[in-house]
Amino acid sequence: MNDLFWLMLVLFVVAAALRNELFFYLLYVMVGLQVMARFWLRRGTRQLRWQRTAPTAAFPGERTEVTIAVQNKGLLPLPWVTITENVPPTLRTPSTVREVVSLGANQRHVLSYTIIGQRRGYYRLGPLTLNTGDVLGLDERTLGRPEHDSLTIYPPILRLADLGLPAALPYGTLATTQRLFSDPARPVGVRPYQAADGVRRIDWKTSAHAGAPQVRRYQPAIALECLIGLAFAREEYDGRFAYDTMERALNAAAAIAAYLQARRQPIGLCTTGHDPAIDATAQSVPVAQGRAHLMQVMGTLGRLEPATNGVLPVLLNQQAAHLGWGSTVIVITGQRGPELIAQLLPLQRRGLSVALILAEPTPADLGLPREYGIASYGLWRDGRPSVR
């Protein structure tokens, strides 16, 4: 643009000095082209629209597609538009998506690319930038927005046996031969009405079809709530392979959550890890059940990053205040020793069942909590079976 300005200035000086019509004509043409190019480009960029459509979450190894729609809603064509998208290298190689297109009047172009979540984490797609200019190359404009689309890759869902943990951990719904309460979430059919049955239990629709009073039957059980506490602060794990140990602890939390959800058990989660989506300590997930709730737990685990500091037992005592008697608290941590046991005993005194899963423990580390009635299990990076 500066070169064109100096060229027009030279033409003006020469035309004014020589009073030559040819130089004036060239000057008028150059000024007119520049004015037209600026007007064309300004009108064209105002009518340019773009939108990215991307998934918000995916499982490891899952192939998902991201689409970018660019549309020229104006009447003036755009001779060229360069679409540039930045993608985290973990999701795609190469990490830059670029394409040059030409958009006519009211024309729409869709660019799509595939991403693969190779490892769990919280990723940001973008920024997306669009470069366009006039056909003469006199001017260019760069368009874009600072917003990113976030993508959470869930942790892998492993079997408890793959982690070296026994499937018969002390949590979940305990079957009983004596009916303690009627749980509407666990129906097992109907039966004929008896004199001892209450009116509230009559299934009126089934009774109308059968022609005789029928009452609902429920599976007798004690539904125990389960709160999973995951230590995910760097100071809570020792050793050279602390990061690998923390990842295995997180995978254990995901496996236990999936195991309980498959058995329709209410689960909750609290952790000392950092959530980059809110740039703060991850919010605790209240105890509930259902697949949608499991995905909420998985999303929190997928986004977790190691925090600089944190004390899990303090957080557990706050979150366990809403649990009913007999509920289970599963503690997954790299901490050990008498201080940890002293912090967990108040939970046990409140009628809660505490299960402790220690990362890379020694036999003494596992034996100490058992002396106080706390079930303890080992979690090793090599996946060896836990010794009870």
Protein backbone atom coordinates (compact mmCIF):
# COMPACT_ATOMS: atom_id res chain seq x y z
CA MET A 1 0.00 0.00 0.00
CA ASN A 2 2.84 2.39 0.76
CA ASP A 3 4.50 1.56 -2.57
CA LEU A 4 1.25 2.39 -4.37
CA PHE A 5 0.97 5.67 -2.49
CA TRP A 6 4.46 6.76 -3.50
CA LEU A 7 3.79 5.69 -7.09
CA MET A 8 0.63 7.82 -7.21
CA LEU A 9 2.54 10.71 -5.68
CA VAL A 10 5.22 10.45 -8.36
CA LEU A 11 2.58 10.27 -11.10
CA PHE A 12 0.88 13.34 -9.67
CA VAL A 13 4.13 15.30 -9.58
CA VAL A 14 5.04 14.23 -13.12
CA ALA A 15 1.53 14.92 -14.44
CA ALA A 16 1.45 18.34 -12.77
CA ALA A 17 4.91 19.24 -14.07
CA LEU A 18 4.42 18.03 -17.65
CA ARG A 19 0.67 18.66 -17.85
CA ASN A 20 0.41 15.39 -19.75
CA GLU A 21 -3.05 13.85 -20.08
CA LEU A 22 -1.64 10.32 -20.16
CA PHE A 23 -0.10 10.66 -16.71
CA PHE A 24 -3.32 12.18 -15.36
CA TYR A 25 -5.28 9.29 -16.86
CA LEU A 26 -2.97 6.74 -15.22
CA LEU A 27 -3.31 8.59 -11.93
CA TYR A 28 -7.12 8.54 -12.14
CA VAL A 29 -7.10 4.82 -12.96
CA MET A 30 -4.87 3.95 -10.00
CA VAL A 31 -6.91 6.06 -7.59
CA GLY A 32 -10.13 4.55 -8.89
CA LEU A 33 -8.83 1.00 -8.59
CA GLN A 34 -7.72 1.61 -5.05
CA VAL A 35 -11.04 3.17 -4.02
CA MET A 36 -12.97 0.34 -5.68
CA ALA A 37 -10.76 -2.33 -4.07
CA ARG A 38 -11.21 -0.80 -0.61
CA PHE A 39 -14.97 -0.52 -1.06
CA TRP A 40 -15.24 -4.09 -2.41
CA LEU A 41 -13.16 -5.56 0.40
CA ARG A 42 -14.96 -3.61 3.13
CA ARG A 43 -18.39 -4.66 1.88
CA GLY A 44 -17.26 -8.25 1.39
CA THR A 45 -15.78 -8.72 4.87
CA ARG A 46 -18.91 -7.29 6.50
CA GLN A 47 -21.00 -10.00 4.85
CA LEU A 48 -18.64 -12.88 5.65
CA ARG A 49 -19.95 -15.35 8.25
CA TRP A 50 -18.29 -18.40 9.73
CA GLN A 51 -19.13 -21.06 12.32
CA ARG A 52 -17.31 -24.02 13.81
CA THR A 53 -19.23 -27.15 14.80
CA ALA A 54 -17.31 -29.51 17.06
CA PRO A 55 -18.12 -32.17 19.67
CA THR A 56 -17.78 -31.21 23.31
CA ALA A 57 -16.53 -34.62 24.48
CA ALA A 58 -15.18 -37.89 23.11
CA PHE A 59 -13.69 -41.16 24.28
CA PRO A 60 -10.01 -42.04 23.78
CA GLY A 61 -9.36 -43.32 20.26
CA GLU A 62 -12.72 -42.09 18.99
CA ARG A 63 -12.66 -40.36 15.60
CA THR A 64 -14.78 -37.22 15.55
CA GLU A 65 -15.34 -34.63 12.85
CA VAL A 66 -15.09 -30.87 13.10
CA THR A 67 -16.74 -28.70 10.45
CA ILE A 68 -16.15 -25.05 9.64
CA ALA A 69 -18.84 -23.34 7.57
CA VAL A 70 -17.89 -20.10 5.80
CA GLN A 71 -20.57 -18.16 3.93
CA ASN A 72 -20.50 -15.00 1.85
CA LYS A 73 -23.93 -13.46 2.43
CA GLY A 74 -23.24 -10.42 0.26
CA LEU A 75 -23.78 -9.73 -3.44
CA LEU A 76 -20.10 -9.09 -4.15
CA PRO A 77 -17.91 -12.16 -4.68
CA LEU A 78 -14.76 -12.71 -2.67
CA PRO A 79 -11.93 -13.78 -4.99
CA TRP A 80 -10.04 -15.65 -2.27
CA VAL A 81 -10.43 -16.55 1.39
CA THR A 82 -7.77 -18.40 3.38
CA ILE A 83 -9.19 -20.50 6.25
CA THR A 84 -6.66 -21.33 8.96
CA GLU A 85 -7.52 -23.43 12.00
CA ASN A 86 -5.15 -24.32 14.84
CA VAL A 87 -5.63 -27.73 16.45
CA PRO A 88 -3.75 -29.18 19.46
CA PRO A 89 -1.05 -31.57 18.16
CA THR A 90 -2.37 -34.37 20.39
CA LEU A 91 -5.64 -34.35 18.46
CA ARG A 92 -4.34 -34.05 14.90
CA THR A 93 -1.16 -34.16 12.86
CA PRO A 94 -0.39 -31.74 11.25
CA SER A 95 -1.82 -29.36 13.81
CA THR A 96 -2.72 -26.62 11.31
CA VAL A 97 -5.69 -26.92 8.94
CA ARG A 98 -5.53 -24.52 6.00
CA GLU A 99 -7.58 -24.14 2.84
CA VAL A 100 -8.00 -21.38 0.24
CA VAL A 101 -11.41 -20.99 -1.39
CA SER A 102 -13.26 -18.53 -3.60
CA LEU A 103 -16.75 -17.48 -2.55
CA GLY A 104 -19.30 -16.13 -4.96
CA ALA A 105 -22.38 -14.13 -4.05
CA ASN A 106 -24.31 -15.88 -1.24
CA GLN A 107 -22.06 -18.94 -1.55
CA ARG A 108 -21.31 -21.28 1.35
CA HIS A 109 -18.27 -23.51 1.80
CA VAL A 110 -17.82 -26.23 4.42
CA LEU A 111 -14.38 -27.37 5.55
CA SER A 112 -14.18 -30.53 7.65
CA TYR A 113 -11.34 -32.36 9.35
CA THR A 114 -11.04 -35.36 11.66
CA ILE A 115 -9.57 -35.38 15.15
CA ILE A 116 -8.65 -38.38 17.29
CA GLY A 117 -8.43 -38.13 21.07
CA GLN A 118 -5.28 -40.10 21.79
CA ARG A 119 -5.17 -39.27 25.50
CA ARG A 120 -7.55 -37.80 28.02
CA GLY A 121 -7.49 -34.09 28.70
CA TYR A 122 -9.09 -30.71 28.11
CA TYR A 123 -8.35 -29.23 24.69
CA ARG A 124 -9.18 -25.99 22.92
CA LEU A 125 -9.84 -25.85 19.18
CA GLY A 126 -8.74 -22.65 17.49
CA PRO A 127 -8.33 -19.83 17.09
CA LEU A 128 -9.86 -19.73 13.63
CA THR A 129 -8.61 -16.97 11.32
CA LEU A 130 -9.80 -15.92 7.87
CA ASN A 131 -7.63 -13.91 5.47
CA THR A 132 -9.14 -12.27 2.41
CA GLY A 133 -8.31 -9.52 -0.03
CA ASP A 134 -9.17 -7.94 -3.36
CA VAL A 135 -8.38 -9.52 -6.70
CA LEU A 136 -5.62 -7.00 -7.45
CA GLY A 137 -3.77 -7.66 -4.21
CA LEU A 138 -4.02 -4.03 -3.16
CA ASP A 139 -5.38 -4.74 0.31
CA GLU A 140 -5.88 -7.68 2.71
CA ARG A 141 -7.95 -8.21 5.84
CA THR A 142 -7.56 -10.73 8.67
CA LEU A 143 -10.73 -11.80 10.41
CA GLY A 144 -11.17 -14.06 13.39
CA ARG A 145 -12.49 -14.43 16.89
CA PRO A 146 -10.59 -15.17 20.09
CA GLU A 147 -13.19 -17.72 21.20
CA HIS A 148 -12.26 -21.39 21.34
CA ASP A 149 -14.39 -24.51 21.29
CA SER A 150 -13.49 -26.82 24.16
CA LEU A 151 -13.20 -30.58 23.84
CA THR A 152 -12.92 -33.04 26.72
CA ILE A 153 -11.42 -36.47 26.12
CA TYR A 154 -12.77 -38.88 28.73
CA PRO A 155 -10.41 -41.20 30.60
CA PRO A 156 -10.31 -44.82 29.40
CA ILE A 157 -12.78 -47.09 31.12
CA LEU A 158 -10.82 -50.11 32.31
CA ARG A 159 -11.87 -53.21 34.16
CA LEU A 160 -11.07 -53.34 37.86
CA ALA A 161 -9.02 -56.47 37.18
CA ASP A 162 -6.87 -54.55 34.71
CA LEU A 163 -5.95 -52.19 37.53
CA GLY A 164 -5.21 -55.02 39.94
CA LEU A 165 -8.29 -54.24 42.05
CA PRO A 166 -10.75 -56.94 43.14
CA ALA A 167 -14.31 -56.65 41.88
CA ALA A 168 -15.71 -57.43 45.35
CA LEU A 169 -14.88 -54.09 46.94
CA PRO A 170 -16.96 -53.09 49.98
CA TYR A 171 -19.37 -50.72 48.29
CA GLY A 172 -22.63 -50.75 46.38
CA THR A 173 -26.11 -52.05 47.13
CA LEU A 174 -26.20 -54.78 49.73
CA ALA A 175 -28.94 -57.36 49.21
CA THR A 176 -30.99 -58.32 52.25
CA THR A 177 -33.79 -60.76 52.97
CA GLN A 178 -35.64 -58.24 55.14
CA ARG A 179 -37.38 -55.35 53.42
CA LEU A 180 -35.99 -52.14 54.86
CA PHE A 181 -37.73 -49.68 52.54
CA SER A 182 -39.55 -49.56 49.21
CA ASP A 183 -37.30 -48.05 46.57
CA PRO A 184 -39.33 -46.87 43.52
CA ALA A 185 -36.17 -47.00 41.42
CA ARG A 186 -35.93 -50.79 41.81
CA PRO A 187 -39.28 -52.31 40.71
CA VAL A 188 -39.43 -56.06 40.07
CA GLY A 189 -43.09 -56.50 39.03
CA VAL A 190 -46.49 -56.81 40.70
CA ARG A 191 -48.33 -59.33 42.88
CA PRO A 192 -51.90 -59.77 44.19
CA TYR A 193 -53.02 -57.40 46.91
CA GLN A 194 -52.84 -58.58 50.52
CA ALA A 195 -54.52 -57.18 53.61
CA ALA A 196 -51.23 -55.96 55.06
CA ASP A 197 -50.40 -53.91 51.96
CA GLY A 198 -50.95 -50.18 51.96
CA VAL A 199 -53.20 -48.42 49.48
CA ARG A 200 -50.28 -46.38 48.16
CA ARG A 201 -48.62 -49.47 46.74
CA ILE A 202 -51.60 -50.46 44.57
CA ASP A 203 -50.82 -50.29 40.84
CA TRP A 204 -54.16 -49.04 39.55
CA LYS A 205 -53.38 -49.46 35.86
CA THR A 206 -52.30 -53.09 36.26
CA SER A 207 -55.25 -53.74 38.58
CA ALA A 208 -57.66 -52.49 35.92
CA HIS A 209 -56.19 -54.89 33.34
CA ALA A 210 -56.10 -57.86 35.72
CA GLY A 211 -59.54 -57.24 37.17
CA ALA A 212 -58.19 -57.59 40.71
CA PRO A 213 -56.08 -55.35 42.98
CA GLN A 214 -52.34 -55.60 42.26
CA VAL A 215 -49.51 -54.05 44.26
CA ARG A 216 -46.02 -53.10 43.12
CA ARG A 217 -43.10 -55.27 44.18
CA TYR A 218 -39.64 -53.84 44.86
CA GLN A 219 -36.32 -55.56 45.27
CA PRO A 220 -35.38 -55.57 48.96
CA ALA A 221 -32.04 -53.82 49.31
CA ILE A 222 -30.07 -51.16 51.09
CA ALA A 223 -29.00 -48.61 48.44
CA LEU A 224 -25.66 -47.30 49.63
CA GLU A 225 -24.42 -44.03 48.26
CA CYS A 226 -20.78 -43.99 47.22
CA LEU A 227 -18.49 -40.97 47.18
CA ILE A 228 -15.21 -41.34 45.29
CA GLY A 229 -12.43 -39.12 46.58
CA LEU A 230 -9.45 -38.72 44.24
CA ALA A 231 -6.24 -37.06 45.39
CA PHE A 232 -4.80 -35.25 42.37
CA ALA A 233 -2.36 -32.72 43.77
CA ARG A 234 1.34 -33.10 43.06
CA GLU A 235 2.27 -33.05 46.74
CA GLU A 236 -0.02 -36.02 47.40
CA TYR A 237 2.18 -38.35 45.32
CA ASP A 238 5.86 -39.16 45.70
CA GLY A 239 8.46 -40.80 43.51
CA ARG A 240 10.03 -40.31 40.11
CA PHE A 241 6.95 -41.61 38.29
CA ALA A 242 4.43 -39.48 40.15
CA TYR A 243 2.66 -38.39 36.96
CA ASP A 244 2.14 -41.99 35.78
CA THR A 245 0.94 -42.95 39.24
CA MET A 246 -1.56 -40.08 39.28
CA GLU A 247 -2.92 -41.10 35.89
CA ARG A 248 -3.42 -44.65 37.10
CA ALA A 249 -5.21 -43.36 40.19
CA LEU A 250 -7.50 -41.31 37.93
CA ASN A 251 -8.17 -44.37 35.76
CA ALA A 252 -9.06 -46.29 38.91
CA ALA A 253 -11.61 -43.63 39.86
CA ALA A 254 -13.14 -43.82 36.37
CA ALA A 255 -13.25 -47.64 36.48
CA ILE A 256 -14.96 -47.68 39.87
CA ALA A 257 -17.50 -45.06 38.76
CA ALA A 258 -18.34 -47.06 35.62
CA TYR A 259 -18.52 -50.30 37.63
CA LEU A 260 -21.04 -48.81 40.06
CA GLN A 261 -23.11 -47.10 37.37
CA ALA A 262 -23.45 -50.40 35.52
CA ARG A 263 -25.05 -51.72 38.71
CA ARG A 264 -27.30 -48.66 39.04
CA GLN A 265 -25.55 -47.37 42.13
CA PRO A 266 -25.54 -43.69 43.12
CA ILE A 267 -22.04 -42.21 42.88
CA GLY A 268 -20.37 -38.90 43.53
CA LEU A 269 -16.89 -37.45 43.05
CA CYS A 270 -14.67 -34.98 44.82
CA THR A 271 -11.05 -34.30 43.97
CA THR A 272 -8.22 -31.91 44.72
CA GLY A 273 -7.30 -31.67 41.02
CA HIS A 274 -7.38 -28.50 38.93
CA ASP A 275 -10.11 -27.98 36.33
CA PRO A 276 -8.82 -25.82 33.45
CA ALA A 277 -12.36 -25.17 32.23
CA ILE A 278 -13.02 -22.99 35.28
CA ASP A 279 -9.35 -22.35 36.15
CA ALA A 280 -9.91 -23.48 39.72
CA THR A 281 -10.15 -26.60 41.85
CA ALA A 282 -12.58 -29.03 40.25
CA GLN A 283 -16.12 -28.78 41.54
CA SER A 284 -17.42 -31.80 43.37
CA VAL A 285 -20.04 -33.90 41.60
CA PRO A 286 -22.96 -34.65 43.96
CA VAL A 287 -24.10 -38.22 44.51
CA ALA A 288 -26.63 -39.37 41.90
CA GLN A 289 -27.12 -42.21 39.46
CA GLY A 290 -27.74 -42.74 35.76
CA ARG A 291 -25.61 -42.69 32.62
CA ALA A 292 -25.91 -38.94 32.19
CA HIS A 293 -24.54 -38.52 35.69
CA LEU A 294 -21.69 -40.91 34.89
CA MET A 295 -20.77 -38.76 31.88
CA GLN A 296 -20.64 -35.75 34.18
CA VAL A 297 -18.20 -37.63 36.43
CA MET A 298 -16.17 -38.73 33.40
CA GLY A 299 -16.07 -35.16 32.10
CA THR A 300 -14.66 -33.90 35.39
CA LEU A 301 -12.04 -36.68 35.43
CA GLY A 302 -11.18 -36.05 31.78
CA ARG A 303 -10.44 -32.37 32.37
CA LEU A 304 -8.38 -32.84 35.53
CA GLU A 305 -4.86 -31.46 35.73
CA PRO A 306 -2.48 -31.89 38.68
CA ALA A 307 -2.90 -29.15 41.27
CA THR A 308 0.01 -27.62 43.12
CA ASN A 309 -1.40 -28.45 46.55
CA GLY A 310 -4.44 -29.96 48.18
CA VAL A 311 -5.60 -32.01 51.16
CA LEU A 312 -8.16 -34.65 50.16
CA PRO A 313 -9.36 -35.71 53.68
CA VAL A 314 -10.40 -32.13 54.46
CA LEU A 315 -12.43 -31.99 51.26
CA LEU A 316 -13.94 -35.42 51.96
CA ASN A 317 -15.17 -34.39 55.40
CA GLN A 318 -17.01 -31.47 53.82
CA GLN A 319 -18.59 -33.45 50.99
CA ALA A 320 -19.47 -36.53 53.07
CA ALA A 321 -21.69 -34.44 55.36
CA HIS A 322 -24.63 -35.12 53.01
CA LEU A 323 -24.16 -38.90 52.88
CA GLY A 324 -26.53 -41.21 54.71
CA TRP A 325 -25.56 -43.75 57.32
CA GLY A 326 -23.84 -46.80 55.83
CA SER A 327 -22.70 -45.01 52.68
CA THR A 328 -19.23 -45.68 51.33
CA VAL A 329 -16.33 -43.31 50.84
CA ILE A 330 -13.61 -44.58 48.51
CA VAL A 331 -10.33 -42.73 48.95
CA ILE A 332 -7.74 -42.95 46.17
CA THR A 333 -4.48 -41.29 47.12
CA GLY A 334 -0.71 -41.50 47.19
CA GLN A 335 -0.56 -40.34 50.80
CA ARG A 336 -0.05 -42.80 53.60
CA GLY A 337 0.84 -43.04 57.25
CA PRO A 338 -0.82 -42.39 60.63
CA GLU A 339 -1.76 -38.82 59.74
CA LEU A 340 -3.92 -39.98 56.83
CA ILE A 341 -5.64 -42.61 59.01
CA ALA A 342 -6.34 -40.00 61.70
CA GLN A 343 -8.03 -37.80 59.08
CA LEU A 344 -10.21 -40.67 57.82
CA LEU A 345 -11.36 -42.02 61.18
CA PRO A 346 -13.97 -39.24 61.70
CA LEU A 347 -15.73 -40.49 58.57
CA GLN A 348 -15.86 -43.98 60.02
CA ARG A 349 -17.22 -42.72 63.34
CA ARG A 350 -20.10 -41.04 61.49
CA GLY A 351 -21.30 -44.45 60.27
CA LEU A 352 -19.62 -44.37 56.86
CA SER A 353 -17.71 -47.25 55.36
CA VAL A 354 -14.23 -46.19 54.23
CA ALA A 355 -12.24 -48.00 51.53
CA LEU A 356 -8.68 -46.83 50.99
CA ILE A 357 -6.81 -47.37 47.70
CA LEU A 358 -3.14 -46.46 48.01
CA ALA A 359 -0.82 -45.86 45.07
CA GLU A 360 2.43 -47.84 45.16
CA PRO A 361 2.08 -48.90 48.84
CA THR A 362 4.29 -51.09 50.96
CA PRO A 363 2.86 -53.98 53.05
CA ALA A 364 3.11 -51.75 56.12
CA ASP A 365 1.10 -49.03 54.34
CA LEU A 366 -1.71 -51.52 53.71
CA GLY A 367 -1.59 -53.05 57.15
CA LEU A 368 -1.94 -49.84 59.15
CA PRO A 369 -5.48 -48.86 58.00
CA ARG A 370 -6.70 -52.44 58.44
CA GLU A 371 -5.82 -52.23 62.11
CA TYR A 372 -8.49 -49.53 62.39
CA GLY A 373 -11.11 -51.40 60.35
CA ILE A 374 -10.47 -49.54 57.09
CA ALA A 375 -10.35 -51.78 54.03
CA SER A 376 -7.16 -51.02 52.08
CA TYR A 377 -6.00 -51.96 48.60
CA GLY A 378 -2.89 -51.37 46.54
CA LEU A 379 -2.71 -49.68 43.15
CA TRP A 380 0.52 -50.31 41.28
CA ARG A 381 1.67 -49.01 37.91
CA ASP A 382 2.48 -52.54 36.76
CA GLY A 383 -1.10 -53.68 37.48
CA ARG A 384 -0.20 -56.42 39.97
CA PRO A 385 -3.17 -57.84 41.92
CA SER A 386 -3.97 -56.11 45.17
CA VAL A 387 -3.17 -58.14 48.26
CA ARG A 388 -6.00 -57.96 50.77
